PDB file of N, CA and C in Angstrom:
ATOM      1  N   MET A   1      91.461  95.000  86.947  1.00  0.00           N
ATOM      2  CA  MET A   1      92.885  94.962  87.220  1.00  0.00           C
ATOM      3  C   MET A   1      93.638  95.727  86.123  1.00  0.00           C
ATOM      4  N   TYR A   2      94.652  96.406  86.555  1.00  0.00           N
ATOM      5  CA  TYR A   2      95.509  97.143  85.633  1.00  0.00           C
ATOM      6  C   TYR A   2      96.808  96.382  85.414  1.00  0.00           C
ATOM      7  N   ARG A   3      97.373  96.560  84.248  1.00  0.00           N
ATOM      8  CA  ARG A   3      98.736  96.099  83.983  1.00  0.00           C
ATOM      9  C   ARG A   3      99.637  97.266  84.358  1.00  0.00           C
ATOM     10  N   VAL A   4     100.673  97.021  85.132  1.00  0.00           N
ATOM     11  CA  VAL A   4     101.586  98.083  85.563  1.00  0.00           C
ATOM     12  C   VAL A   4     102.860  98.003  84.735  1.00  0.00           C
ATOM     13  N   GLU A   5     103.190  99.111  84.092  1.00  0.00           N
ATOM     14  CA  GLU A   5     104.431  99.228  83.324  1.00  0.00           C
ATOM     15  C   GLU A   5     105.255 100.341  83.955  1.00  0.00           C
ATOM     16  N   ILE A   6     106.523 100.106  84.055  1.00  0.00           N
ATOM     17  CA  ILE A   6     107.405 101.106  84.661  1.00  0.00           C
ATOM     18  C   ILE A   6     108.452 101.520  83.629  1.00  0.00           C
ATOM     19  N   THR A   7     108.625 102.804  83.481  1.00  0.00           N
ATOM     20  CA  THR A   7     109.602 103.295  82.510  1.00  0.00           C
ATOM     21  C   THR A   7     111.023 103.050  83.013  1.00  0.00           C
ATOM     22  N   GLU A   8     111.955 103.058  82.084  1.00  0.00           N
ATOM     23  CA  GLU A   8     113.365 102.914  82.463  1.00  0.00           C
ATOM     24  C   GLU A   8     113.803 104.051  83.376  1.00  0.00           C
ATOM     25  N   VAL A   9     113.275 105.235  83.140  1.00  0.00           N
ATOM     26  CA  VAL A   9     113.626 106.392  83.974  1.00  0.00           C
ATOM     27  C   VAL A   9     113.152 106.167  85.410  1.00  0.00           C
ATOM     28  N   ALA A  10     111.938 105.634  85.573  1.00  0.00           N
ATOM     29  CA  ALA A  10     111.430 105.362  86.920  1.00  0.00           C
ATOM     30  C   ALA A  10     112.257 104.261  87.597  1.00  0.00           C
ATOM     31  N   GLU A  11     112.643 103.247  86.845  1.00  0.00           N
ATOM     32  CA  GLU A  11     113.517 102.209  87.411  1.00  0.00           C
ATOM     33  C   GLU A  11     114.843 102.810  87.861  1.00  0.00           C
ATOM     34  N   ALA A  12     115.379 103.726  87.068  1.00  0.00           N
ATOM     35  CA  ALA A  12     116.623 104.406  87.455  1.00  0.00           C
ATOM     36  C   ALA A  12     116.409 105.259  88.697  1.00  0.00           C
ATOM     37  N   ASP A  13     115.235 105.891  88.815  1.00  0.00           N
ATOM     38  CA  ASP A  13     114.916 106.656  90.027  1.00  0.00           C
ATOM     39  C   ASP A  13     114.947 105.754  91.258  1.00  0.00           C
ATOM     40  N   ILE A  14     114.354 104.575  91.141  1.00  0.00           N
ATOM     41  CA  ILE A  14     114.332 103.636  92.265  1.00  0.00           C
ATOM     42  C   ILE A  14     115.748 103.226  92.637  1.00  0.00           C
ATOM     43  N   GLN A  15     116.555 102.902  91.640  1.00  0.00           N
ATOM     44  CA  GLN A  15     117.940 102.500  91.924  1.00  0.00           C
ATOM     45  C   GLN A  15     118.714 103.636  92.591  1.00  0.00           C
ATOM     46  N   SER A  16     118.523 104.841  92.095  1.00  0.00           N
ATOM     47  CA  SER A  16     119.210 105.997  92.664  1.00  0.00           C
ATOM     48  C   SER A  16     118.808 106.227  94.119  1.00  0.00           C
ATOM     49  N   GLN A  17     117.515 106.121  94.398  1.00  0.00           N
ATOM     50  CA  GLN A  17     117.042 106.299  95.773  1.00  0.00           C
ATOM     51  C   GLN A  17     117.550 105.178  96.680  1.00  0.00           C
ATOM     52  N   PHE A  18     117.553 103.956  96.166  1.00  0.00           N
ATOM     53  CA  PHE A  18     118.089 102.829  96.922  1.00  0.00           C
ATOM     54  C   PHE A  18     119.552 103.076  97.286  1.00  0.00           C
ATOM     55  N   ASP A  19     120.331 103.491  96.287  1.00  0.00           N
ATOM     56  CA  ASP A  19     121.753 103.767  96.532  1.00  0.00           C
ATOM     57  C   ASP A  19     121.928 104.857  97.578  1.00  0.00           C
ATOM     58  N   TRP A  20     121.094 105.901  97.503  1.00  0.00           N
ATOM     59  CA  TRP A  20     121.178 106.986  98.480  1.00  0.00           C
ATOM     60  C   TRP A  20     120.881 106.462  99.878  1.00  0.00           C
ATOM     61  N   TRP A  21     119.827 105.685 100.037  1.00  0.00           N
ATOM     62  CA  TRP A  21     119.480 105.126 101.346  1.00  0.00           C
ATOM     63  C   TRP A  21     120.633 104.277 101.886  1.00  0.00           C
ATOM     64  N   ARG A  22     121.201 103.449 101.004  1.00  0.00           N
ATOM     65  CA  ARG A  22     122.273 102.552 101.431  1.00  0.00           C
ATOM     66  C   ARG A  22     123.499 103.332 101.896  1.00  0.00           C
ATOM     67  N   LEU A  23     123.843 104.416 101.213  1.00  0.00           N
ATOM     68  CA  LEU A  23     125.025 105.199 101.561  1.00  0.00           C
ATOM     69  C   LEU A  23     124.797 106.169 102.714  1.00  0.00           C
ATOM     70  N   ASN A  24     123.571 106.707 102.833  1.00  0.00           N
ATOM     71  CA  ASN A  24     123.311 107.759 103.812  1.00  0.00           C
ATOM     72  C   ASN A  24     122.506 107.322 105.025  1.00  0.00           C
ATOM     73  N   ARG A  25     121.883 106.193 104.955  1.00  0.00           N
ATOM     74  CA  ARG A  25     121.114 105.674 106.090  1.00  0.00           C
ATOM     75  C   ARG A  25     121.730 104.347 106.512  1.00  0.00           C
ATOM     76  N   SER A  26     121.156 103.280 106.000  1.00  0.00           N
ATOM     77  CA  SER A  26     121.714 101.957 106.283  1.00  0.00           C
ATOM     78  C   SER A  26     121.295 100.991 105.190  1.00  0.00           C
ATOM     79  N   SER A  27     122.070  99.928 105.042  1.00  0.00           N
ATOM     80  CA  SER A  27     121.726  98.913 104.053  1.00  0.00           C
ATOM     81  C   SER A  27     120.387  98.274 104.394  1.00  0.00           C
ATOM     82  N   GLU A  28     120.156  98.051 105.671  1.00  0.00           N
ATOM     83  CA  GLU A  28     118.891  97.452 106.102  1.00  0.00           C
ATOM     84  C   GLU A  28     117.702  98.330 105.692  1.00  0.00           C
ATOM     85  N   GLN A  29     117.809  99.632 105.947  1.00  0.00           N
ATOM     86  CA  GLN A  29     116.732 100.544 105.551  1.00  0.00           C
ATOM     87  C   GLN A  29     116.601 100.608 104.035  1.00  0.00           C
ATOM     88  N   ALA A  30     117.717 100.599 103.340  1.00  0.00           N
ATOM     89  CA  ALA A  30     117.675 100.654 101.878  1.00  0.00           C
ATOM     90  C   ALA A  30     116.926  99.461 101.314  1.00  0.00           C
ATOM     91  N   TYR A  31     117.223  98.268 101.796  1.00  0.00           N
ATOM     92  CA  TYR A  31     116.545  97.073 101.299  1.00  0.00           C
ATOM     93  C   TYR A  31     115.077  97.072 101.700  1.00  0.00           C
ATOM     94  N   ARG A  32     114.772  97.553 102.886  1.00  0.00           N
ATOM     95  CA  ARG A  32     113.367  97.660 103.302  1.00  0.00           C
ATOM     96  C   ARG A  32     112.622  98.651 102.394  1.00  0.00           C
ATOM     97  N   TRP A  33     113.222  99.814 102.145  1.00  0.00           N
ATOM     98  CA  TRP A  33     112.623 100.811 101.263  1.00  0.00           C
ATOM     99  C   TRP A  33     112.376 100.211  99.882  1.00  0.00           C
ATOM    100  N   TYR A  34     113.365  99.505  99.362  1.00  0.00           N
ATOM    101  CA  TYR A  34     113.271  98.891  98.030  1.00  0.00           C
ATOM    102  C   TYR A  34     112.117  97.892  97.964  1.00  0.00           C
ATOM    103  N   ARG A  35     112.045  97.004  98.947  1.00  0.00           N
ATOM    104  CA  ARG A  35     110.969  96.008  98.963  1.00  0.00           C
ATOM    105  C   ARG A  35     109.601  96.678  99.047  1.00  0.00           C
ATOM    106  N   GLU A  36     109.497  97.676  99.917  1.00  0.00           N
ATOM    107  CA  GLU A  36     108.192  98.288 100.146  1.00  0.00           C
ATOM    108  C   GLU A  36     107.748  99.200  99.008  1.00  0.00           C
ATOM    109  N   ILE A  37     108.687  99.822  98.298  1.00  0.00           N
ATOM    110  CA  ILE A  37     108.239 100.626  97.159  1.00  0.00           C
ATOM    111  C   ILE A  37     107.689  99.725  96.055  1.00  0.00           C
ATOM    112  N   TRP A  38     108.283  98.558  95.878  1.00  0.00           N
ATOM    113  CA  TRP A  38     107.745  97.631  94.884  1.00  0.00           C
ATOM    114  C   TRP A  38     106.387  97.098  95.316  1.00  0.00           C
ATOM    115  N   THR A  39     106.171  96.914  96.611  1.00  0.00           N
ATOM    116  CA  THR A  39     104.845  96.519  97.102  1.00  0.00           C
ATOM    117  C   THR A  39     103.832  97.617  96.801  1.00  0.00           C
ATOM    118  N   ALA A  40     104.213  98.874  97.030  1.00  0.00           N
ATOM    119  CA  ALA A  40     103.325 100.002  96.741  1.00  0.00           C
ATOM    120  C   ALA A  40     103.010 100.061  95.248  1.00  0.00           C
ATOM    121  N   ILE A  41     104.017  99.851  94.416  1.00  0.00           N
ATOM    122  CA  ILE A  41     103.800  99.867  92.966  1.00  0.00           C
ATOM    123  C   ILE A  41     102.837  98.749  92.564  1.00  0.00           C
ATOM    124  N   ARG A  42     103.025  97.567  93.109  1.00  0.00           N
ATOM    125  CA  ARG A  42     102.121  96.444  92.782  1.00  0.00           C
ATOM    126  C   ARG A  42     100.686  96.741  93.209  1.00  0.00           C
ATOM    127  N   SER A  43     100.514  97.522  94.271  1.00  0.00           N
ATOM    128  CA  SER A  43      99.155  97.840  94.739  1.00  0.00           C
ATOM    129  C   SER A  43      98.366  98.629  93.705  1.00  0.00           C
ATOM    130  N   LEU A  44      99.062  99.266  92.779  1.00  0.00           N
ATOM    131  CA  LEU A  44      98.381 100.032  91.738  1.00  0.00           C
ATOM    132  C   LEU A  44      97.635  99.130  90.759  1.00  0.00           C
ATOM    133  N   ARG A  45      97.974  97.844  90.733  1.00  0.00           N
ATOM    134  CA  ARG A  45      97.276  96.918  89.836  1.00  0.00           C
ATOM    135  C   ARG A  45      95.780  96.895  90.119  1.00  0.00           C
ATOM    136  N   SER A  46      95.422  97.010  91.377  1.00  0.00           N
ATOM    137  CA  SER A  46      94.008  96.882  91.725  1.00  0.00           C
ATOM    138  C   SER A  46      93.348  98.193  92.141  1.00  0.00           C
ATOM    139  N   SER A  47      94.137  99.218  92.437  1.00  0.00           N
ATOM    140  CA  SER A  47      93.492 100.410  92.995  1.00  0.00           C
ATOM    141  C   SER A  47      94.171 101.720  92.591  1.00  0.00           C
ATOM    142  N   ALA A  48      94.503 101.849  91.349  1.00  0.00           N
ATOM    143  CA  ALA A  48      95.202 103.058  90.888  1.00  0.00           C
ATOM    144  C   ALA A  48      94.327 104.303  90.976  1.00  0.00           C
ATOM    145  N   LYS A  49      93.026 104.144  90.790  1.00  0.00           N
ATOM    146  CA  LYS A  49      92.141 105.305  90.801  1.00  0.00           C
ATOM    147  C   LYS A  49      91.963 105.914  92.190  1.00  0.00           C
ATOM    148  N   ARG A  50      92.426 105.228  93.218  1.00  0.00           N
ATOM    149  CA  ARG A  50      92.334 105.782  94.574  1.00  0.00           C
ATOM    150  C   ARG A  50      93.292 106.954  94.767  1.00  0.00           C
ATOM    151  N   CYS A  51      94.282 107.042  93.906  1.00  0.00           N
ATOM    152  CA  CYS A  51      95.334 108.042  94.047  1.00  0.00           C
ATOM    153  C   CYS A  51      94.885 109.371  93.437  1.00  0.00           C
ATOM    154  N   PRO A  52      95.238 110.470  94.104  1.00  0.00           N
ATOM    155  CA  PRO A  52      94.834 111.784  93.586  1.00  0.00           C
ATOM    156  C   PRO A  52      95.655 112.187  92.364  1.00  0.00           C
ATOM    157  N   THR A  53      95.124 113.166  91.642  1.00  0.00           N
ATOM    158  CA  THR A  53      95.902 113.719  90.541  1.00  0.00           C
ATOM    159  C   THR A  53      97.103 114.459  91.118  1.00  0.00           C
ATOM    160  N   SER A  54      98.173 114.479  90.356  1.00  0.00           N
ATOM    161  CA  SER A  54      99.376 115.181  90.806  1.00  0.00           C
ATOM    162  C   SER A  54      99.299 116.639  90.362  1.00  0.00           C
ATOM    163  N   LYS A  55     100.116 117.457  90.978  1.00  0.00           N
ATOM    164  CA  LYS A  55     100.143 118.878  90.617  1.00  0.00           C
ATOM    165  C   LYS A  55     100.660 119.095  89.195  1.00  0.00           C
ATOM    166  N   GLU A  56     101.321 118.081  88.626  1.00  0.00           N
ATOM    167  CA  GLU A  56     101.839 118.165  87.253  1.00  0.00           C
ATOM    168  C   GLU A  56     100.924 117.465  86.253  1.00  0.00           C
ATOM    169  N   SER A  57      99.704 117.229  86.625  1.00  0.00           N
ATOM    170  CA  SER A  57      98.773 116.429  85.831  1.00  0.00           C
ATOM    171  C   SER A  57      98.671 116.868  84.370  1.00  0.00           C
ATOM    172  N   GLU A  58      98.785 118.154  84.115  1.00  0.00           N
ATOM    173  CA  GLU A  58      98.623 118.673  82.747  1.00  0.00           C
ATOM    174  C   GLU A  58      99.766 118.273  81.812  1.00  0.00           C
ATOM    175  N   LEU A  59     100.824 117.668  82.331  1.00  0.00           N
ATOM    176  CA  LEU A  59     101.966 117.290  81.502  1.00  0.00           C
ATOM    177  C   LEU A  59     101.714 116.031  80.658  1.00  0.00           C
ATOM    178  N   HIS A  60     100.631 115.336  80.922  1.00  0.00           N
ATOM    179  CA  HIS A  60     100.341 114.096  80.196  1.00  0.00           C
ATOM    180  C   HIS A  60      98.889 114.126  79.721  1.00  0.00           C
ATOM    181  N   PRO A  61      98.630 113.686  78.492  1.00  0.00           N
ATOM    182  CA  PRO A  61      97.256 113.730  77.961  1.00  0.00           C
ATOM    183  C   PRO A  61      96.232 112.991  78.830  1.00  0.00           C
ATOM    184  N   ALA A  62      96.633 111.904  79.471  1.00  0.00           N
ATOM    185  CA  ALA A  62      95.720 111.142  80.332  1.00  0.00           C
ATOM    186  C   ALA A  62      95.671 111.706  81.746  1.00  0.00           C
ATOM    187  N   GLY A  63      96.505 112.703  82.021  1.00  0.00           N
ATOM    188  CA  GLY A  63      96.618 113.234  83.375  1.00  0.00           C
ATOM    189  C   GLY A  63      97.579 112.384  84.187  1.00  0.00           C
ATOM    190  N   LEU A  64      98.198 112.980  85.167  1.00  0.00           N
ATOM    191  CA  LEU A  64      99.117 112.259  86.040  1.00  0.00           C
ATOM    192  C   LEU A  64      98.501 112.132  87.422  1.00  0.00           C
ATOM    193  N   ARG A  65      98.778 111.021  88.052  1.00  0.00           N
ATOM    194  CA  ARG A  65      98.370 110.769  89.434  1.00  0.00           C
ATOM    195  C   ARG A  65      99.617 110.487  90.244  1.00  0.00           C
ATOM    196  N   GLU A  66      99.447 110.464  91.552  1.00  0.00           N
ATOM    197  CA  GLU A  66     100.599 110.133  92.391  1.00  0.00           C
ATOM    198  C   GLU A  66     100.175 109.294  93.578  1.00  0.00           C
ATOM    199  N   LEU A  67     101.045 108.379  93.937  1.00  0.00           N
ATOM    200  CA  LEU A  67     100.891 107.569  95.133  1.00  0.00           C
ATOM    201  C   LEU A  67     101.988 107.998  96.089  1.00  0.00           C
ATOM    202  N   SER A  68     101.598 108.489  97.251  1.00  0.00           N
ATOM    203  CA  SER A  68     102.584 108.893  98.258  1.00  0.00           C
ATOM    204  C   SER A  68     103.101 107.644  98.950  1.00  0.00           C
ATOM    205  N   PHE A  69     104.409 107.647  99.221  1.00  0.00           N
ATOM    206  CA  PHE A  69     105.054 106.466  99.788  1.00  0.00           C
ATOM    207  C   PHE A  69     106.131 106.886 100.776  1.00  0.00           C
ATOM    208  N   GLY A  70     106.268 106.127 101.841  1.00  0.00           N
ATOM    209  CA  GLY A  70     107.352 106.333 102.795  1.00  0.00           C
ATOM    210  C   GLY A  70     107.411 105.184 103.773  1.00  0.00           C
ATOM    211  N   LEU A  71     108.522 105.050 104.454  1.00  0.00           N
ATOM    212  CA  LEU A  71     108.677 103.983 105.436  1.00  0.00           C
ATOM    213  C   LEU A  71     108.045 104.330 106.782  1.00  0.00           C
ATOM    214  N   GLY A  72     108.021 105.587 107.098  1.00  0.00           N
ATOM    215  CA  GLY A  72     107.483 106.008 108.383  1.00  0.00           C
ATOM    216  C   GLY A  72     106.078 106.551 108.260  1.00  0.00           C
ATOM    217  N   ARG A  73     105.724 107.393 109.213  1.00  0.00           N
ATOM    218  CA  ARG A  73     104.387 107.983 109.214  1.00  0.00           C
ATOM    219  C   ARG A  73     104.195 109.012 108.117  1.00  0.00           C
ATOM    220  N   ARG A  74     105.285 109.640 107.719  1.00  0.00           N
ATOM    221  CA  ARG A  74     105.209 110.713 106.739  1.00  0.00           C
ATOM    222  C   ARG A  74     105.763 110.247 105.398  1.00  0.00           C
ATOM    223  N   PRO A  75     105.002 110.457 104.322  1.00  0.00           N
ATOM    224  CA  PRO A  75     105.512 110.059 103.000  1.00  0.00           C
ATOM    225  C   PRO A  75     106.769 110.850 102.638  1.00  0.00           C
ATOM    226  N   THR A  76     107.696 110.162 102.010  1.00  0.00           N
ATOM    227  CA  THR A  76     108.938 110.795 101.571  1.00  0.00           C
ATOM    228  C   THR A  76     109.081 110.813 100.056  1.00  0.00           C
ATOM    229  N   HIS A  77     108.267 110.022  99.368  1.00  0.00           N
ATOM    230  CA  HIS A  77     108.391 109.889  97.917  1.00  0.00           C
ATOM    231  C   HIS A  77     107.018 109.905  97.253  1.00  0.00           C
ATOM    232  N   ARG A  78     107.042 110.258  95.968  1.00  0.00           N
ATOM    233  CA  ARG A  78     105.840 110.235  95.140  1.00  0.00           C
ATOM    234  C   ARG A  78     106.074 109.298  93.963  1.00  0.00           C
ATOM    235  N   ILE A  79     105.157 108.384  93.752  1.00  0.00           N
ATOM    236  CA  ILE A  79     105.178 107.524  92.579  1.00  0.00           C
ATOM    237  C   ILE A  79     104.246 108.197  91.571  1.00  0.00           C
ATOM    238  N   VAL A  80     104.802 108.740  90.511  1.00  0.00           N
ATOM    239  CA  VAL A  80     104.028 109.531  89.542  1.00  0.00           C
ATOM    240  C   VAL A  80     103.703 108.641  88.341  1.00  0.00           C
ATOM    241  N   PHE A  81     102.398 108.555  88.027  1.00  0.00           N
ATOM    242  CA  PHE A  81     101.960 107.633  86.989  1.00  0.00           C
ATOM    243  C   PHE A  81     100.730 108.163  86.257  1.00  0.00           C
ATOM    244  N   ALA A  82     100.390 107.482  85.178  1.00  0.00           N
ATOM    245  CA  ALA A  82      99.169 107.772  84.423  1.00  0.00           C
ATOM    246  C   ALA A  82      98.421 106.469  84.197  1.00  0.00           C
ATOM    247  N   ILE A  83      97.114 106.580  84.120  1.00  0.00           N
ATOM    248  CA  ILE A  83      96.287 105.445  83.715  1.00  0.00           C
ATOM    249  C   ILE A  83      96.021 105.637  82.223  1.00  0.00           C
ATOM    250  N   GLU A  84      96.535 104.704  81.437  1.00  0.00           N
ATOM    251  CA  GLU A  84      96.447 104.800  79.976  1.00  0.00           C
ATOM    252  C   GLU A  84      95.632 103.637  79.419  1.00  0.00           C
ATOM    253  N   LYS A  85      94.924 103.891  78.342  1.00  0.00           N
ATOM    254  CA  LYS A  85      94.157 102.857  77.633  1.00  0.00           C
ATOM    255  C   LYS A  85      93.200 102.102  78.556  1.00  0.00           C
ATOM    256  N   GLN A  86      92.771 102.699  79.619  1.00  0.00           N
ATOM    257  CA  GLN A  86      91.804 102.129  80.556  1.00  0.00           C
ATOM    258  C   GLN A  86      92.298 100.891  81.302  1.00  0.00           C
ATOM    259  N   ASP A  87      93.432 100.308  80.907  1.00  0.00           N
ATOM    260  CA  ASP A  87      93.861  99.085  81.585  1.00  0.00           C
ATOM    261  C   ASP A  87      95.344  99.063  81.938  1.00  0.00           C
ATOM    262  N   THR A  88      96.040 100.170  81.703  1.00  0.00           N
ATOM    263  CA  THR A  88      97.483 100.197  81.938  1.00  0.00           C
ATOM    264  C   THR A  88      97.851 101.357  82.847  1.00  0.00           C
ATOM    265  N   VAL A  89      98.631 101.048  83.853  1.00  0.00           N
ATOM    266  CA  VAL A  89      99.244 102.073  84.697  1.00  0.00           C
ATOM    267  C   VAL A  89     100.691 102.180  84.259  1.00  0.00           C
ATOM    268  N   ARG A  90     101.080 103.366  83.803  1.00  0.00           N
ATOM    269  CA  ARG A  90     102.467 103.589  83.380  1.00  0.00           C
ATOM    270  C   ARG A  90     103.123 104.504  84.408  1.00  0.00           C
ATOM    271  N   ILE A  91     104.157 103.979  85.065  1.00  0.00           N
ATOM    272  CA  ILE A  91     104.874 104.751  86.077  1.00  0.00           C
ATOM    273  C   ILE A  91     105.993 105.517  85.390  1.00  0.00           C
ATOM    274  N   PHE A  92     105.961 106.834  85.573  1.00  0.00           N
ATOM    275  CA  PHE A  92     106.926 107.698  84.906  1.00  0.00           C
ATOM    276  C   PHE A  92     108.108 108.071  85.779  1.00  0.00           C
ATOM    277  N   ARG A  93     107.865 108.387  87.021  1.00  0.00           N
ATOM    278  CA  ARG A  93     108.962 108.845  87.889  1.00  0.00           C
ATOM    279  C   ARG A  93     108.687 108.457  89.337  1.00  0.00           C
ATOM    280  N   ILE A  94     109.771 108.349  90.097  1.00  0.00           N
ATOM    281  CA  ILE A  94     109.730 108.224  91.548  1.00  0.00           C
ATOM    282  C   ILE A  94     110.485 109.431  92.065  1.00  0.00           C
ATOM    283  N   ARG A  95     109.802 110.306  92.783  1.00  0.00           N
ATOM    284  CA  ARG A  95     110.397 111.578  93.206  1.00  0.00           C
ATOM    285  C   ARG A  95     110.370 111.702  94.720  1.00  0.00           C
ATOM    286  N   HIS A  96     111.452 112.197  95.283  1.00  0.00           N
ATOM    287  CA  HIS A  96     111.443 112.553  96.696  1.00  0.00           C
ATOM    288  C   HIS A  96     110.556 113.775  96.843  1.00  0.00           C
ATOM    289  N   THR A  97     109.841 113.866  97.949  1.00  0.00           N
ATOM    290  CA  THR A  97     108.913 114.982  98.141  1.00  0.00           C
ATOM    291  C   THR A  97     109.608 116.335  98.191  1.00  0.00           C
ATOM    292  N   SER A  98     110.903 116.357  98.456  1.00  0.00           N
ATOM    293  CA  SER A  98     111.627 117.632  98.498  1.00  0.00           C
ATOM    294  C   SER A  98     112.118 118.078  97.115  1.00  0.00           C
ATOM    295  N   GLN A  99     111.995 117.209  96.116  1.00  0.00           N
ATOM    296  CA  GLN A  99     112.430 117.575  94.767  1.00  0.00           C
ATOM    297  C   GLN A  99     111.433 118.534  94.125  1.00  0.00           C
ATOM    298  N   ARG A 100     111.938 119.326  93.197  1.00  0.00           N
ATOM    299  CA  ARG A 100     111.085 120.277  92.481  1.00  0.00           C
ATOM    300  C   ARG A 100     110.000 119.529  91.715  1.00  0.00           C
ATOM    301  N   ASP A 101     108.948 120.267  91.340  1.00  0.00           N
ATOM    302  CA  ASP A 101     107.881 119.687  90.540  1.00  0.00           C
ATOM    303  C   ASP A 101     108.437 119.219  89.197  1.00  0.00           C
ATOM    304  N   LEU A 102     107.784 118.224  88.639  1.00  0.00           N
ATOM    305  CA  LEU A 102     108.184 117.730  87.325  1.00  0.00           C
ATOM    306  C   LEU A 102     107.891 118.756  86.240  1.00  0.00           C
ATOM    307  N   GLU A 103     108.691 118.718  85.202  1.00  0.00           N
ATOM    308  CA  GLU A 103     108.471 119.520  84.005  1.00  0.00           C
ATOM    309  C   GLU A 103     108.402 118.551  82.829  1.00  0.00           C
ATOM    310  N   ALA A 104     107.935 119.025  81.711  1.00  0.00           N
ATOM    311  CA  ALA A 104     107.738 118.153  80.550  1.00  0.00           C
ATOM    312  C   ALA A 104     108.998 117.361  80.206  1.00  0.00           C
ATOM    313  N   GLU A 105     110.154 117.985  80.286  1.00  0.00           N
ATOM    314  CA  GLU A 105     111.384 117.280  79.915  1.00  0.00           C
ATOM    315  C   GLU A 105     111.784 116.199  80.931  1.00  0.00           C
ATOM    316  N   ASP A 106     111.127 116.148  82.078  1.00  0.00           N
ATOM    317  CA  ASP A 106     111.411 115.119  83.083  1.00  0.00           C
ATOM    318  C   ASP A 106     110.659 113.817  82.806  1.00  0.00           C
ATOM    319  N   LEU A 107     109.702 113.874  81.872  1.00  0.00           N
ATOM    320  CA  LEU A 107     108.919 112.679  81.559  1.00  0.00           C
ATOM    321  C   LEU A 107     109.512 111.979  80.337  1.00  0.00           C
ATOM    322  N   PRO A 108     109.606 110.661  80.412  1.00  0.00           N
ATOM    323  CA  PRO A 108     110.119 109.914  79.265  1.00  0.00           C
ATOM    324  C   PRO A 108     109.117 109.903  78.121  1.00  0.00           C
TER     325      PRO A 108
END
């Protein structure tokens, strides 16, 4: 089992995405998205290694991985994280799939 830690920046990403869903879709969808992204994040406790490396993997010494997430059939977001110290999953960012690739300054 891994311990999952989420950076303040990733928490802010979640809040920002939640706010966007609430304003541009519906409150019901926003709350559903919020609940389900936290379920996806919790799933990393037991199976983080199932996730592929991200295209920005070289930005972190341990390498970066990503978990694709979405409410429908097609993923809309990427949960970008690293497995550190063999027992910790550190979540760095939550990115919409249409956003540009991460750069070093995007990581906390």
